[in-house]
Protein backbone atom coordinates (compact mmCIF):
# COMPACT_ATOMS: atom_id res chain seq x y z
CA MET A 1 -12.12 74.45 -39.75
CA SER A 2 -12.61 73.99 -43.42
CA LYS A 3 -15.84 72.80 -45.08
CA LYS A 4 -14.73 68.77 -45.52
CA VAL A 5 -13.97 68.50 -41.71
CA PHE A 6 -17.48 70.55 -40.33
CA PHE A 7 -19.71 68.16 -42.76
CA VAL A 8 -18.07 64.88 -41.54
CA LEU A 9 -18.14 66.45 -37.81
CA VAL A 10 -21.84 67.09 -38.53
CA ILE A 11 -22.79 63.88 -39.79
CA LEU A 12 -20.83 61.70 -36.94
CA MET A 13 -23.29 63.34 -34.47
CA SER A 14 -26.06 62.89 -36.51
CA LEU A 15 -25.14 58.89 -36.33
CA SER A 16 -24.55 59.34 -32.45
CA LEU A 17 -27.80 61.12 -31.93
CA ILE A 18 -29.17 58.41 -33.76
CA GLY A 19 -27.51 56.03 -32.24
CA ILE A 20 -28.84 57.27 -28.94
CA ILE A 21 -32.06 57.81 -29.47
CA PHE A 22 -32.49 53.51 -30.67
CA VAL A 23 -30.73 52.88 -27.71
CA GLN A 24 -33.43 55.10 -25.48
CA ALA A 25 -36.25 53.24 -27.25
CA TYR A 26 -34.79 50.19 -26.75
CA TYR A 27 -34.52 50.66 -23.54
CA ILE A 28 -38.49 51.88 -23.06
CA LYS A 29 -39.74 49.22 -25.21
CA ASN A 30 -37.69 46.94 -22.82
CA SER A 31 -38.99 48.68 -19.53
CA ILE A 32 -42.88 48.26 -20.56
CA SER A 33 -42.61 44.78 -21.42
CA THR A 34 -40.82 43.94 -18.17
CA LYS A 35 -43.91 46.35 -16.29
CA GLU A 36 -46.71 44.32 -18.69
CA ASP A 37 -45.09 41.38 -17.48
CA GLN A 38 -45.20 41.94 -14.17
CA PHE A 39 -48.85 43.26 -14.28
CA THR A 40 -49.95 40.19 -15.34
CA PHE A 41 -48.25 38.84 -12.70
CA ASN A 42 -49.51 40.22 -9.96
CA VAL A 43 -53.32 39.89 -11.33
CA LYS A 44 -52.50 35.98 -12.09
CA LYS A 45 -51.69 35.43 -7.93
CA ALA A 46 -53.99 37.77 -6.61
CA LEU A 47 -56.39 35.68 -8.94
CA ASN A 48 -55.45 32.45 -7.19
CA TYR A 49 -55.41 34.61 -4.02
CA VAL A 50 -59.24 35.00 -3.89
CA ALA A 51 -60.09 32.01 -6.35
CA ASP A 52 -58.29 30.09 -3.19
CA ASN A 53 -60.34 31.80 -0.50
CA ILE A 54 -63.83 31.06 -2.02
CA GLU A 55 -62.59 27.13 -2.06
CA ASP A 56 -61.56 27.32 1.38
CA GLU A 57 -64.57 29.84 2.41
CA ASP A 58 -66.96 27.04 -0.23
CA PHE A 59 -65.06 23.79 1.48
CA LYS A 60 -65.83 24.89 4.87
CA ASP A 61 -69.76 26.05 4.13
CA HIS A 62 -70.06 22.89 2.92
CA ALA A 63 -68.41 21.08 5.80
CA LEU A 64 -70.52 22.80 8.31
CA LYS A 65 -73.54 22.18 7.16
CA LEU A 66 -72.26 18.05 6.35
CA LYS A 67 -71.48 18.61 10.35
CA ARG A 68 -75.04 20.09 11.23
CA GLU A 69 -77.21 17.82 9.36
CA ILE A 70 -74.93 14.38 10.82
CA GLU A 71 -75.57 15.77 14.13
CA SER A 72 -79.26 16.57 13.56
CA ARG A 73 -79.82 12.77 13.22
């Protein structure tokens, strides 16, 4: 094998390795972004659930107080 062929093979293998590294970096970045979006969605969903529960409890308390006030008259 001549030095020229060996040098070309080394260059091609290096370029292939660099390409693989860039593809993996892209997929890792995309995966992290997806996980962050999913986390944000889950947090918003949980906060909405808690807010709805608090609103329902507050409404029930207010309705119960109003009912007691009406019954006491």
